[in-house]
Amino acid sequence: MTCPYCRSGNAEGALVCASCGRDIAVPATLIAERDDLLRKRDELRDELKRARDEVEAFMKRRHAR
């Protein structure tokens, strides 16, 4: 695992950087929050695609008249 502060290499699962001594552990709550945000982002992307498809279909019907 690379330290985000000093860019030194550390053992996987390290809680503290061996070089600079800063806390590099990621709390499980932050990982869960990240996963939830990624899921919501994907849902919004799907919703946006559906809305764009609906608008495109509407515009095609409108121009076909």
C-alpha atoms as a PDB file:
ATOM      1  CA  MET A   1       0.000   0.000   0.000  1.00  0.00           C
ATOM      2  CA  THR A   2       1.375   3.396  -0.948  1.00  0.00           C
ATOM      3  CA  CYS A   3       1.165   6.216   1.566  1.00  0.00           C
ATOM      4  CA  PRO A   4      -1.004   9.034   0.153  1.00  0.00           C
ATOM      5  CA  TYR A   5       1.150  11.599   1.956  1.00  0.00           C
ATOM      6  CA  CYS A   6       4.791  10.651   1.344  1.00  0.00           C
ATOM      7  CA  ARG A   7       4.259   8.039  -1.403  1.00  0.00           C
ATOM      8  CA  SER A   8       6.348   5.417   0.465  1.00  0.00           C
ATOM      9  CA  GLY A   9       5.516   1.760   0.131  1.00  0.00           C
ATOM     10  CA  ASN A  10       3.974   0.043   3.145  1.00  0.00           C
ATOM     11  CA  ALA A  11       2.788  -3.456   3.930  1.00  0.00           C
ATOM     12  CA  GLU A  12      -0.763  -4.261   2.859  1.00  0.00           C
ATOM     13  CA  GLY A  13      -3.145  -3.535   5.710  1.00  0.00           C
ATOM     14  CA  ALA A  14      -0.729  -1.163   7.462  1.00  0.00           C
ATOM     15  CA  LEU A  15      -2.436   1.287   9.793  1.00  0.00           C
ATOM     16  CA  VAL A  16       0.419   3.792   9.951  1.00  0.00           C
ATOM     17  CA  CYS A  17       3.032   4.706   7.334  1.00  0.00           C
ATOM     18  CA  ALA A  18       6.431   3.239   8.242  1.00  0.00           C
ATOM     19  CA  SER A  19       8.175   6.257   6.713  1.00  0.00           C
ATOM     20  CA  CYS A  20       6.239   9.354   7.774  1.00  0.00           C
ATOM     21  CA  GLY A  21       4.165   7.907  10.637  1.00  0.00           C
ATOM     22  CA  ARG A  22       0.828   9.209   9.366  1.00  0.00           C
ATOM     23  CA  ASP A  23      -2.403   7.259   9.725  1.00  0.00           C
ATOM     24  CA  ILE A  24      -3.119   5.501   6.421  1.00  0.00           C
ATOM     25  CA  ALA A  25      -5.871   3.092   7.480  1.00  0.00           C
ATOM     26  CA  VAL A  26      -9.234   3.535   5.807  1.00  0.00           C
ATOM     27  CA  PRO A  27     -12.112   3.030   8.270  1.00  0.00           C
ATOM     28  CA  ALA A  28     -14.715   0.447   7.261  1.00  0.00           C
ATOM     29  CA  THR A  29     -17.421   3.119   7.515  1.00  0.00           C
ATOM     30  CA  LEU A  30     -15.695   5.154   4.799  1.00  0.00           C
ATOM     31  CA  ILE A  31     -15.398   2.111   2.576  1.00  0.00           C
ATOM     32  CA  ALA A  32     -19.099   1.381   3.064  1.00  0.00           C
ATOM     33  CA  GLU A  33     -19.982   5.020   2.345  1.00  0.00           C
ATOM     34  CA  ARG A  34     -17.850   4.946  -0.811  1.00  0.00           C
ATOM     35  CA  ASP A  35     -19.565   1.766  -1.989  1.00  0.00           C
ATOM     36  CA  ASP A  36     -22.983   3.310  -1.332  1.00  0.00           C
ATOM     37  CA  LEU A  37     -22.037   6.461  -3.250  1.00  0.00           C
ATOM     38  CA  LEU A  38     -20.750   4.411  -6.184  1.00  0.00           C
ATOM     39  CA  ARG A  39     -24.033   2.468  -6.237  1.00  0.00           C
ATOM     40  CA  LYS A  40     -26.047   5.699  -6.189  1.00  0.00           C
ATOM     41  CA  ARG A  41     -23.852   7.164  -8.941  1.00  0.00           C
ATOM     42  CA  ASP A  42     -24.503   4.128 -11.128  1.00  0.00           C
ATOM     43  CA  GLU A  43     -28.252   4.344 -10.474  1.00  0.00           C
ATOM     44  CA  LEU A  44     -28.249   8.033 -11.451  1.00  0.00           C
ATOM     45  CA  ARG A  45     -26.290   7.295 -14.615  1.00  0.00           C
ATOM     46  CA  ASP A  46     -28.853   4.649 -15.558  1.00  0.00           C
ATOM     47  CA  GLU A  47     -31.703   7.046 -14.827  1.00  0.00           C
ATOM     48  CA  LEU A  48     -30.058   9.766 -16.920  1.00  0.00           C
ATOM     49  CA  LYS A  49     -29.575   7.363 -19.829  1.00  0.00           C
ATOM     50  CA  ARG A  50     -33.242   6.347 -19.676  1.00  0.00           C
ATOM     51  CA  ALA A  51     -34.292  10.014 -19.625  1.00  0.00           C
ATOM     52  CA  ARG A  52     -32.054  10.814 -22.601  1.00  0.00           C
ATOM     53  CA  ASP A  53     -33.471   7.843 -24.510  1.00  0.00           C
ATOM     54  CA  GLU A  54     -37.021   9.028 -23.761  1.00  0.00           C
ATOM     55  CA  VAL A  55     -36.224  12.563 -24.961  1.00  0.00           C
ATOM     56  CA  GLU A  56     -34.613  11.198 -28.112  1.00  0.00           C
ATOM     57  CA  ALA A  57     -37.639   8.990 -28.825  1.00  0.00           C
ATOM     58  CA  PHE A  58     -39.973  11.941 -28.215  1.00  0.00           C
ATOM     59  CA  MET A  59     -37.975  14.145 -30.590  1.00  0.00           C
ATOM     60  CA  LYS A  60     -38.044  11.442 -33.300  1.00  0.00           C
ATOM     61  CA  ARG A  61     -41.826  11.086 -32.960  1.00  0.00           C
ATOM     62  CA  ARG A  62     -42.227  14.849 -33.080  1.00  0.00           C
ATOM     63  CA  HIS A  63     -40.167  15.180 -36.272  1.00  0.00           C
ATOM     64  CA  ALA A  64     -42.009  12.256 -37.885  1.00  0.00           C
ATOM     65  CA  ARG A  65     -45.305  14.179 -37.865  1.00  0.00           C
END
